[in-house]
Amino acid sequence: MIKLIGAVFIIVATTWIGFEISRRFSERPKQLRALRTALQSLEAEIMYGHTPLHEAARRLAEQLSKPLSTFFESFSKKLTDTETTVKEAWETSLREIWNSTALKQGEFEVMKQFGETLGRHDRISQQKHIMLTLTHLEREEVDAIQAQATYEKMVKSLGFLSGLLLIILLF
C-alpha cells in the first residue's frame, strides 16, 4: 500500500513538473504580445499625447497585467522618486522583474537596448527606435510560437513518462 502511495506521489510530482515547464512555453508568446502592445501604447503616448515618460509608464502599469505592470510601475517610480537616468531606471526595473517572466535572454537584450535609447532622442527618432524594437520582439514572438508548438506537448508527456520510468526503476 505504501509503495502504491509513493508511486502516485511520484507520478503527480513529475507530471506537475512537466506541466510547469510547458506553462513557460505557453506564457512566453502571451508576454511577448503584451510587451509589444505596451510598446505600441508607449509610442502613442509619446507621439500623440506628448505625455512625460514617467506618466506614460504609470498609465501603462494600470493597463497591463503582471509581470509587465510591475515593470512599468517600478520604472515610473524610479523616474519620479530617485535621481537616476532613464537608462538606469529602465534596466534596473527590467532586472527586478525578469525572473518572474517567461521571457528569454534575447528579449532581455532587445529591451535593454531599447532602454538605452529611451528618452535620448526627439519624438521621430524615438518612434523609429520603438518600431525597431517591435520588429525584434515580433521575430522573437514567432520563434516563441514555434517553440510552443514543438515542445509544449512533448514536455507534458515527458513529465508523466519520466514518472513512470522512475516508478519502474524503483519498484
N, C-alpha and C. Protein backbone atom coordinates (compact mmCIF):
# COMPACT_ATOMS: atom_id res chain seq x y z
N MET A 1 0.82 -1.19 0.00
CA MET A 1 0.00 0.00 0.00
C MET A 1 0.87 1.26 0.00
N ILE A 2 1.94 1.24 0.79
CA ILE A 2 2.84 2.40 0.84
C ILE A 2 3.53 2.59 -0.51
N LYS A 3 3.88 1.49 -1.17
CA LYS A 3 4.50 1.60 -2.49
C LYS A 3 3.55 2.25 -3.48
N LEU A 4 2.28 1.91 -3.40
CA LEU A 4 1.29 2.49 -4.30
C LEU A 4 1.14 3.99 -4.06
N ILE A 5 1.10 4.39 -2.81
CA ILE A 5 1.00 5.82 -2.48
C ILE A 5 2.25 6.56 -2.95
N GLY A 6 3.40 5.96 -2.75
CA GLY A 6 4.66 6.55 -3.23
C GLY A 6 4.67 6.68 -4.74
N ALA A 7 4.15 5.67 -5.44
CA ALA A 7 4.09 5.70 -6.90
C ALA A 7 3.17 6.83 -7.37
N VAL A 8 2.05 6.99 -6.69
CA VAL A 8 1.13 8.07 -7.05
C VAL A 8 1.79 9.43 -6.85
N PHE A 9 2.49 9.58 -5.73
CA PHE A 9 3.20 10.85 -5.47
C PHE A 9 4.24 11.14 -6.55
N ILE A 10 4.96 10.12 -6.96
CA ILE A 10 5.98 10.31 -7.99
C ILE A 10 5.34 10.73 -9.31
N ILE A 11 4.26 10.04 -9.70
CA ILE A 11 3.56 10.39 -10.95
C ILE A 11 3.03 11.82 -10.88
N VAL A 12 2.40 12.16 -9.76
CA VAL A 12 1.85 13.52 -9.63
C VAL A 12 2.96 14.56 -9.68
N ALA A 13 4.05 14.32 -9.00
CA ALA A 13 5.15 15.29 -8.96
C ALA A 13 5.80 15.49 -10.33
N THR A 14 6.10 14.41 -11.00
CA THR A 14 6.76 14.55 -12.30
C THR A 14 5.81 15.12 -13.35
N THR A 15 4.54 14.77 -13.28
CA THR A 15 3.56 15.35 -14.20
C THR A 15 3.41 16.84 -13.94
N TRP A 16 3.37 17.22 -12.69
CA TRP A 16 3.26 18.64 -12.33
C TRP A 16 4.48 19.41 -12.85
N ILE A 17 5.66 18.83 -12.71
CA ILE A 17 6.87 19.48 -13.23
C ILE A 17 6.77 19.67 -14.74
N GLY A 18 6.30 18.65 -15.44
CA GLY A 18 6.13 18.75 -16.89
C GLY A 18 5.15 19.85 -17.28
N PHE A 19 4.05 19.95 -16.53
CA PHE A 19 3.06 20.99 -16.81
C PHE A 19 3.61 22.38 -16.50
N GLU A 20 4.41 22.51 -15.46
CA GLU A 20 5.00 23.81 -15.13
C GLU A 20 5.99 24.27 -16.20
N ILE A 21 6.78 23.34 -16.69
CA ILE A 21 7.73 23.69 -17.76
C ILE A 21 6.96 24.05 -19.03
N SER A 22 5.91 23.31 -19.33
CA SER A 22 5.14 23.62 -20.54
C SER A 22 4.40 24.95 -20.41
N ARG A 23 4.06 25.34 -19.17
CA ARG A 23 3.40 26.62 -18.95
C ARG A 23 4.31 27.77 -19.39
N ARG A 24 5.61 27.62 -19.17
CA ARG A 24 6.54 28.67 -19.60
C ARG A 24 6.55 28.79 -21.13
N PHE A 25 6.40 27.65 -21.81
CA PHE A 25 6.32 27.69 -23.28
C PHE A 25 5.06 28.42 -23.74
N SER A 26 3.96 28.27 -23.02
CA SER A 26 2.73 28.93 -23.44
C SER A 26 2.66 30.38 -22.97
N GLU A 27 3.35 30.72 -21.87
CA GLU A 27 3.34 32.09 -21.36
C GLU A 27 4.22 33.02 -22.18
N ARG A 28 5.28 32.51 -22.74
CA ARG A 28 6.22 33.36 -23.46
C ARG A 28 5.59 34.12 -24.63
N PRO A 29 4.84 33.47 -25.53
CA PRO A 29 4.21 34.24 -26.61
C PRO A 29 3.20 35.26 -26.08
N LYS A 30 2.47 34.92 -25.03
CA LYS A 30 1.50 35.85 -24.46
C LYS A 30 2.20 37.09 -23.90
N GLN A 31 3.30 36.88 -23.19
CA GLN A 31 4.02 38.00 -22.61
C GLN A 31 4.68 38.85 -23.70
N LEU A 32 5.18 38.22 -24.74
CA LEU A 32 5.76 38.98 -25.85
C LEU A 32 4.70 39.83 -26.54
N ARG A 33 3.51 39.27 -26.72
CA ARG A 33 2.42 40.01 -27.33
C ARG A 33 2.03 41.20 -26.46
N ALA A 34 1.96 40.97 -25.15
CA ALA A 34 1.63 42.05 -24.22
C ALA A 34 2.71 43.12 -24.22
N LEU A 35 3.96 42.71 -24.32
CA LEU A 35 5.07 43.65 -24.36
C LEU A 35 5.03 44.49 -25.63
N ARG A 36 4.72 43.86 -26.73
CA ARG A 36 4.59 44.61 -27.99
C ARG A 36 3.45 45.62 -27.91
N THR A 37 2.34 45.20 -27.33
CA THR A 37 1.20 46.10 -27.16
C THR A 37 1.57 47.28 -26.26
N ALA A 38 2.32 46.98 -25.20
CA ALA A 38 2.74 48.04 -24.28
C ALA A 38 3.64 49.05 -24.98
N LEU A 39 4.56 48.57 -25.81
CA LEU A 39 5.45 49.49 -26.52
C LEU A 39 4.67 50.31 -27.56
N GLN A 40 3.66 49.72 -28.17
CA GLN A 40 2.83 50.48 -29.10
C GLN A 40 2.05 51.56 -28.36
N SER A 41 1.58 51.23 -27.17
CA SER A 41 0.88 52.23 -26.35
C SER A 41 1.84 53.33 -25.91
N LEU A 42 3.06 52.95 -25.57
CA LEU A 42 4.08 53.92 -25.19
C LEU A 42 4.37 54.86 -26.36
N GLU A 43 4.45 54.29 -27.54
CA GLU A 43 4.67 55.11 -28.74
C GLU A 43 3.53 56.12 -28.92
N ALA A 44 2.30 55.66 -28.75
CA ALA A 44 1.16 56.56 -28.90
C ALA A 44 1.19 57.67 -27.84
N GLU A 45 1.55 57.32 -26.61
CA GLU A 45 1.63 58.32 -25.54
C GLU A 45 2.71 59.36 -25.86
N ILE A 46 3.84 58.91 -26.38
CA ILE A 46 4.95 59.82 -26.68
C ILE A 46 4.63 60.67 -27.91
N MET A 47 4.16 60.02 -28.97
CA MET A 47 3.98 60.71 -30.24
C MET A 47 2.76 61.62 -30.26
N TYR A 48 1.65 61.13 -29.76
CA TYR A 48 0.40 61.86 -29.94
C TYR A 48 -0.10 62.52 -28.66
N GLY A 49 0.23 61.94 -27.53
CA GLY A 49 -0.22 62.50 -26.27
C GLY A 49 0.77 63.47 -25.66
N HIS A 50 2.00 63.47 -26.16
CA HIS A 50 3.07 64.31 -25.62
C HIS A 50 3.18 64.13 -24.10
N THR A 51 2.97 62.90 -23.66
CA THR A 51 2.96 62.58 -22.23
C THR A 51 4.39 62.40 -21.74
N PRO A 52 4.73 62.93 -20.57
CA PRO A 52 6.05 62.67 -20.00
C PRO A 52 6.24 61.16 -19.78
N LEU A 53 7.48 60.74 -19.83
CA LEU A 53 7.79 59.31 -19.78
C LEU A 53 7.30 58.64 -18.50
N HIS A 54 7.50 59.30 -17.36
CA HIS A 54 7.07 58.68 -16.10
C HIS A 54 5.55 58.53 -16.04
N GLU A 55 4.84 59.49 -16.61
CA GLU A 55 3.37 59.42 -16.62
C GLU A 55 2.89 58.34 -17.60
N ALA A 56 3.54 58.24 -18.74
CA ALA A 56 3.19 57.21 -19.71
C ALA A 56 3.42 55.82 -19.13
N ALA A 57 4.53 55.64 -18.40
CA ALA A 57 4.83 54.36 -17.78
C ALA A 57 3.79 54.03 -16.70
N ARG A 58 3.37 55.03 -15.93
CA ARG A 58 2.37 54.81 -14.89
C ARG A 58 1.04 54.38 -15.51
N ARG A 59 0.66 55.02 -16.60
CA ARG A 59 -0.58 54.66 -17.29
C ARG A 59 -0.52 53.24 -17.84
N LEU A 60 0.63 52.89 -18.40
CA LEU A 60 0.80 51.53 -18.91
C LEU A 60 0.69 50.50 -17.79
N ALA A 61 1.25 50.82 -16.63
CA ALA A 61 1.19 49.91 -15.49
C ALA A 61 -0.25 49.63 -15.09
N GLU A 62 -1.11 50.62 -15.23
CA GLU A 62 -2.52 50.44 -14.88
C GLU A 62 -3.26 49.57 -15.89
N GLN A 63 -2.80 49.57 -17.13
CA GLN A 63 -3.49 48.84 -18.20
C GLN A 63 -3.05 47.39 -18.32
N LEU A 64 -1.82 47.09 -17.94
CA LEU A 64 -1.24 45.78 -18.19
C LEU A 64 -1.45 44.83 -17.02
N SER A 65 -1.24 43.55 -17.30
CA SER A 65 -1.27 42.55 -16.24
C SER A 65 0.16 42.26 -15.80
N LYS A 66 0.28 41.58 -14.67
CA LYS A 66 1.61 41.25 -14.15
C LYS A 66 2.28 40.26 -15.07
N PRO A 67 3.55 40.23 -15.19
CA PRO A 67 4.60 40.99 -14.53
C PRO A 67 4.94 42.32 -15.22
N LEU A 68 4.35 42.56 -16.39
CA LEU A 68 4.67 43.80 -17.11
C LEU A 68 4.16 45.04 -16.39
N SER A 69 3.04 44.93 -15.71
CA SER A 69 2.54 46.09 -14.95
C SER A 69 3.52 46.44 -13.83
N THR A 70 4.10 45.43 -13.22
CA THR A 70 5.09 45.66 -12.17
C THR A 70 6.32 46.36 -12.73
N PHE A 71 6.72 45.96 -13.93
CA PHE A 71 7.87 46.58 -14.58
C PHE A 71 7.63 48.07 -14.82
N PHE A 72 6.51 48.41 -15.45
CA PHE A 72 6.25 49.81 -15.77
C PHE A 72 5.98 50.64 -14.52
N GLU A 73 5.38 50.04 -13.52
CA GLU A 73 5.17 50.75 -12.25
C GLU A 73 6.50 51.06 -11.58
N SER A 74 7.38 50.08 -11.56
CA SER A 74 8.71 50.29 -10.97
C SER A 74 9.49 51.34 -11.75
N PHE A 75 9.41 51.27 -13.07
CA PHE A 75 10.10 52.24 -13.92
C PHE A 75 9.60 53.65 -13.66
N SER A 76 8.30 53.81 -13.57
CA SER A 76 7.71 55.12 -13.30
C SER A 76 8.15 55.66 -11.94
N LYS A 77 8.15 54.81 -10.93
CA LYS A 77 8.55 55.24 -9.59
C LYS A 77 10.02 55.63 -9.54
N LYS A 78 10.85 54.87 -10.25
CA LYS A 78 12.28 55.19 -10.26
C LYS A 78 12.52 56.55 -10.93
N LEU A 79 11.75 56.84 -11.95
CA LEU A 79 11.91 58.12 -12.64
C LEU A 79 11.48 59.30 -11.77
N THR A 80 10.43 59.11 -10.99
CA THR A 80 9.91 60.22 -10.18
C THR A 80 10.55 60.32 -8.81
N ASP A 81 10.90 59.20 -8.20
CA ASP A 81 11.35 59.21 -6.80
C ASP A 81 12.86 59.31 -6.63
N THR A 82 13.63 58.92 -7.61
CA THR A 82 15.08 58.90 -7.45
C THR A 82 15.75 59.75 -8.52
N GLU A 83 16.96 60.14 -8.23
CA GLU A 83 17.79 60.85 -9.21
C GLU A 83 18.55 59.80 -10.01
N THR A 84 18.00 59.44 -11.13
CA THR A 84 18.61 58.42 -11.96
C THR A 84 18.35 58.76 -13.43
N THR A 85 19.11 58.14 -14.29
CA THR A 85 18.87 58.33 -15.72
C THR A 85 17.76 57.38 -16.17
N VAL A 86 17.20 57.66 -17.32
CA VAL A 86 16.16 56.81 -17.87
C VAL A 86 16.72 55.42 -18.13
N LYS A 87 17.94 55.38 -18.67
CA LYS A 87 18.58 54.10 -18.98
C LYS A 87 18.73 53.25 -17.71
N GLU A 88 19.22 53.85 -16.63
CA GLU A 88 19.43 53.09 -15.38
C GLU A 88 18.11 52.65 -14.78
N ALA A 89 17.11 53.52 -14.81
CA ALA A 89 15.79 53.17 -14.26
C ALA A 89 15.17 52.02 -15.06
N TRP A 90 15.30 52.09 -16.38
CA TRP A 90 14.76 51.06 -17.26
C TRP A 90 15.44 49.72 -16.99
N GLU A 91 16.76 49.73 -16.98
CA GLU A 91 17.49 48.48 -16.80
C GLU A 91 17.28 47.88 -15.41
N THR A 92 17.27 48.71 -14.39
CA THR A 92 17.05 48.22 -13.03
C THR A 92 15.65 47.61 -12.90
N SER A 93 14.67 48.28 -13.44
CA SER A 93 13.29 47.76 -13.40
C SER A 93 13.18 46.45 -14.18
N LEU A 94 13.88 46.38 -15.29
CA LEU A 94 13.87 45.18 -16.11
C LEU A 94 14.47 44.00 -15.36
N ARG A 95 15.60 44.24 -14.70
CA ARG A 95 16.25 43.17 -13.94
C ARG A 95 15.40 42.70 -12.75
N GLU A 96 14.67 43.63 -12.15
CA GLU A 96 13.84 43.28 -10.99
C GLU A 96 12.75 42.27 -11.33
N ILE A 97 12.15 42.40 -12.49
CA ILE A 97 11.02 41.53 -12.82
C ILE A 97 11.38 40.39 -13.75
N TRP A 98 12.60 40.36 -14.26
CA TRP A 98 12.93 39.42 -15.33
C TRP A 98 12.73 37.96 -14.93
N ASN A 99 13.08 37.59 -13.70
CA ASN A 99 12.93 36.20 -13.28
C ASN A 99 11.48 35.77 -13.15
N SER A 100 10.57 36.71 -13.03
CA SER A 100 9.16 36.35 -12.92
C SER A 100 8.48 36.26 -14.28
N THR A 101 9.22 36.50 -15.35
CA THR A 101 8.66 36.39 -16.69
C THR A 101 9.05 35.06 -17.32
N ALA A 102 8.41 34.75 -18.41
CA ALA A 102 8.76 33.55 -19.17
C ALA A 102 9.67 33.91 -20.34
N LEU A 103 10.14 35.14 -20.37
CA LEU A 103 10.94 35.63 -21.49
C LEU A 103 12.38 35.15 -21.38
N LYS A 104 13.06 35.14 -22.51
CA LYS A 104 14.43 34.63 -22.57
C LYS A 104 15.44 35.76 -22.68
N GLN A 105 16.70 35.39 -22.72
CA GLN A 105 17.80 36.36 -22.73
C GLN A 105 17.76 37.24 -23.97
N GLY A 106 17.34 36.71 -25.11
CA GLY A 106 17.26 37.51 -26.33
C GLY A 106 16.31 38.69 -26.18
N GLU A 107 15.18 38.43 -25.55
CA GLU A 107 14.22 39.51 -25.32
C GLU A 107 14.77 40.51 -24.32
N PHE A 108 15.51 40.03 -23.33
CA PHE A 108 16.13 40.92 -22.35
C PHE A 108 17.08 41.89 -23.04
N GLU A 109 17.89 41.37 -23.95
CA GLU A 109 18.85 42.22 -24.66
C GLU A 109 18.14 43.25 -25.53
N VAL A 110 17.06 42.84 -26.20
CA VAL A 110 16.29 43.78 -27.02
C VAL A 110 15.73 44.90 -26.16
N MET A 111 15.14 44.53 -25.04
CA MET A 111 14.55 45.53 -24.15
C MET A 111 15.61 46.42 -23.51
N LYS A 112 16.76 45.85 -23.19
CA LYS A 112 17.85 46.62 -22.60
C LYS A 112 18.36 47.65 -23.61
N GLN A 113 18.53 47.22 -24.85
CA GLN A 113 18.98 48.15 -25.90
C GLN A 113 17.96 49.25 -26.13
N PHE A 114 16.68 48.90 -26.06
CA PHE A 114 15.65 49.91 -26.22
C PHE A 114 15.73 50.93 -25.09
N GLY A 115 15.97 50.46 -23.88
CA GLY A 115 16.08 51.36 -22.73
C GLY A 115 17.24 52.32 -22.85
N GLU A 116 18.29 51.92 -23.55
CA GLU A 116 19.45 52.79 -23.75
C GLU A 116 19.10 53.98 -24.65
N THR A 117 18.12 53.80 -25.53
CA THR A 117 17.75 54.89 -26.44
C THR A 117 16.56 55.69 -25.93
N LEU A 118 15.86 55.17 -24.95
CA LEU A 118 14.63 55.80 -24.47
C LEU A 118 14.91 57.15 -23.84
N GLY A 119 14.21 58.15 -24.29
CA GLY A 119 14.33 59.49 -23.74
C GLY A 119 15.56 60.26 -24.19
N ARG A 120 16.33 59.74 -25.10
CA ARG A 120 17.56 60.41 -25.54
C ARG A 120 17.40 61.12 -26.88
N HIS A 121 16.31 60.86 -27.55
CA HIS A 121 16.15 61.40 -28.90
C HIS A 121 14.85 62.20 -29.00
N ASP A 122 14.70 62.86 -30.15
CA ASP A 122 13.44 63.56 -30.39
C ASP A 122 12.35 62.52 -30.68
N ARG A 123 11.13 62.99 -30.80
CA ARG A 123 9.99 62.07 -30.92
C ARG A 123 10.07 61.19 -32.17
N ILE A 124 10.50 61.75 -33.28
CA ILE A 124 10.56 60.98 -34.53
C ILE A 124 11.60 59.86 -34.42
N SER A 125 12.77 60.19 -33.89
CA SER A 125 13.81 59.17 -33.71
C SER A 125 13.36 58.13 -32.69
N GLN A 126 12.68 58.59 -31.65
CA GLN A 126 12.19 57.66 -30.63
C GLN A 126 11.18 56.70 -31.25
N GLN A 127 10.35 57.20 -32.14
CA GLN A 127 9.38 56.34 -32.82
C GLN A 127 10.09 55.28 -33.65
N LYS A 128 11.18 55.66 -34.30
CA LYS A 128 11.95 54.69 -35.10
C LYS A 128 12.56 53.61 -34.21
N HIS A 129 13.04 54.00 -33.04
CA HIS A 129 13.60 53.02 -32.10
C HIS A 129 12.51 52.08 -31.58
N ILE A 130 11.34 52.62 -31.34
CA ILE A 130 10.22 51.76 -30.89
C ILE A 130 9.85 50.78 -31.99
N MET A 131 9.79 51.24 -33.23
CA MET A 131 9.45 50.37 -34.35
C MET A 131 10.50 49.27 -34.53
N LEU A 132 11.76 49.62 -34.37
CA LEU A 132 12.82 48.63 -34.46
C LEU A 132 12.68 47.58 -33.35
N THR A 133 12.40 48.03 -32.15
CA THR A 133 12.21 47.10 -31.03
C THR A 133 11.01 46.21 -31.27
N LEU A 134 9.93 46.79 -31.79
CA LEU A 134 8.73 46.00 -32.09
C LEU A 134 9.03 44.93 -33.14
N THR A 135 9.86 45.26 -34.11
CA THR A 135 10.24 44.28 -35.13
C THR A 135 11.02 43.13 -34.51
N HIS A 136 11.96 43.46 -33.62
CA HIS A 136 12.73 42.41 -32.94
C HIS A 136 11.82 41.53 -32.08
N LEU A 137 10.91 42.16 -31.35
CA LEU A 137 10.01 41.39 -30.48
C LEU A 137 9.04 40.54 -31.30
N GLU A 138 8.65 41.03 -32.46
CA GLU A 138 7.77 40.23 -33.33
C GLU A 138 8.49 38.97 -33.80
N ARG A 139 9.76 39.12 -34.15
CA ARG A 139 10.56 37.96 -34.56
C ARG A 139 10.69 36.96 -33.41
N GLU A 140 10.93 37.48 -32.21
CA GLU A 140 11.03 36.62 -31.03
C GLU A 140 9.70 35.93 -30.74
N GLU A 141 8.60 36.62 -30.99
CA GLU A 141 7.29 36.03 -30.77
C GLU A 141 7.04 34.87 -31.74
N VAL A 142 7.44 35.04 -32.98
CA VAL A 142 7.31 33.95 -33.95
C VAL A 142 8.12 32.75 -33.49
N ASP A 143 9.34 32.98 -33.02
CA ASP A 143 10.16 31.89 -32.50
C ASP A 143 9.51 31.23 -31.29
N ALA A 144 8.91 32.03 -30.42
CA ALA A 144 8.26 31.51 -29.22
C ALA A 144 7.05 30.65 -29.59
N ILE A 145 6.30 31.06 -30.58
CA ILE A 145 5.14 30.29 -31.02
C ILE A 145 5.58 28.96 -31.61
N GLN A 146 6.67 28.98 -32.37
CA GLN A 146 7.20 27.74 -32.94
C GLN A 146 7.70 26.81 -31.84
N ALA A 147 8.39 27.36 -30.86
CA ALA A 147 8.88 26.54 -29.74
C ALA A 147 7.71 25.97 -28.96
N GLN A 148 6.67 26.76 -28.78
CA GLN A 148 5.49 26.28 -28.06
C GLN A 148 4.86 25.11 -28.80
N ALA A 149 4.69 25.26 -30.10
CA ALA A 149 4.08 24.19 -30.90
C ALA A 149 4.94 22.93 -30.88
N THR A 150 6.25 23.10 -30.86
CA THR A 150 7.16 21.97 -30.91
C THR A 150 7.29 21.26 -29.57
N TYR A 151 7.42 22.02 -28.49
CA TYR A 151 7.83 21.43 -27.23
C TYR A 151 6.78 21.33 -26.14
N GLU A 152 5.70 22.09 -26.22
CA GLU A 152 4.75 22.14 -25.10
C GLU A 152 4.16 20.77 -24.79
N LYS A 153 3.62 20.10 -25.78
CA LYS A 153 3.00 18.79 -25.55
C LYS A 153 4.06 17.74 -25.18
N MET A 154 5.23 17.86 -25.80
CA MET A 154 6.29 16.90 -25.51
C MET A 154 6.73 16.98 -24.06
N VAL A 155 6.85 18.18 -23.52
CA VAL A 155 7.30 18.35 -22.13
C VAL A 155 6.27 17.79 -21.16
N LYS A 156 4.99 18.00 -21.45
CA LYS A 156 3.94 17.43 -20.61
C LYS A 156 4.04 15.91 -20.59
N SER A 157 4.21 15.32 -21.77
CA SER A 157 4.31 13.86 -21.87
C SER A 157 5.57 13.35 -21.18
N LEU A 158 6.67 14.08 -21.34
CA LEU A 158 7.92 13.66 -20.70
C LEU A 158 7.81 13.68 -19.18
N GLY A 159 7.08 14.64 -18.65
CA GLY A 159 6.89 14.69 -17.20
C GLY A 159 6.22 13.43 -16.70
N PHE A 160 5.13 13.05 -17.35
CA PHE A 160 4.41 11.85 -16.96
C PHE A 160 5.24 10.59 -17.19
N LEU A 161 5.86 10.50 -18.37
CA LEU A 161 6.62 9.30 -18.70
C LEU A 161 7.87 9.15 -17.84
N SER A 162 8.50 10.26 -17.46
CA SER A 162 9.66 10.14 -16.57
C SER A 162 9.22 9.64 -15.19
N GLY A 163 8.03 10.00 -14.76
CA GLY A 163 7.48 9.46 -13.51
C GLY A 163 7.27 7.97 -13.60
N LEU A 164 6.72 7.51 -14.72
CA LEU A 164 6.55 6.07 -14.91
C LEU A 164 7.88 5.34 -14.93
N LEU A 165 8.86 5.92 -15.60
CA LEU A 165 10.19 5.29 -15.65
C LEU A 165 10.78 5.22 -14.25
N LEU A 166 10.66 6.27 -13.50
CA LEU A 166 11.18 6.30 -12.13
C LEU A 166 10.50 5.23 -11.26
N ILE A 167 9.21 5.07 -11.43
CA ILE A 167 8.49 4.05 -10.66
C ILE A 167 8.97 2.66 -11.04
N ILE A 168 9.14 2.42 -12.34
CA ILE A 168 9.62 1.11 -12.80
C ILE A 168 11.00 0.83 -12.25
N LEU A 169 11.86 1.83 -12.26
CA LEU A 169 13.23 1.63 -11.76
C LEU A 169 13.27 1.41 -10.25
N LEU A 170 12.40 2.09 -9.53
CA LEU A 170 12.41 1.98 -8.06
C LEU A 170 11.72 0.72 -7.56
N PHE A 171 10.70 0.27 -8.27
CA PHE A 171 9.93 -0.88 -7.78
C PHE A 171 10.25 -2.04 -8.63
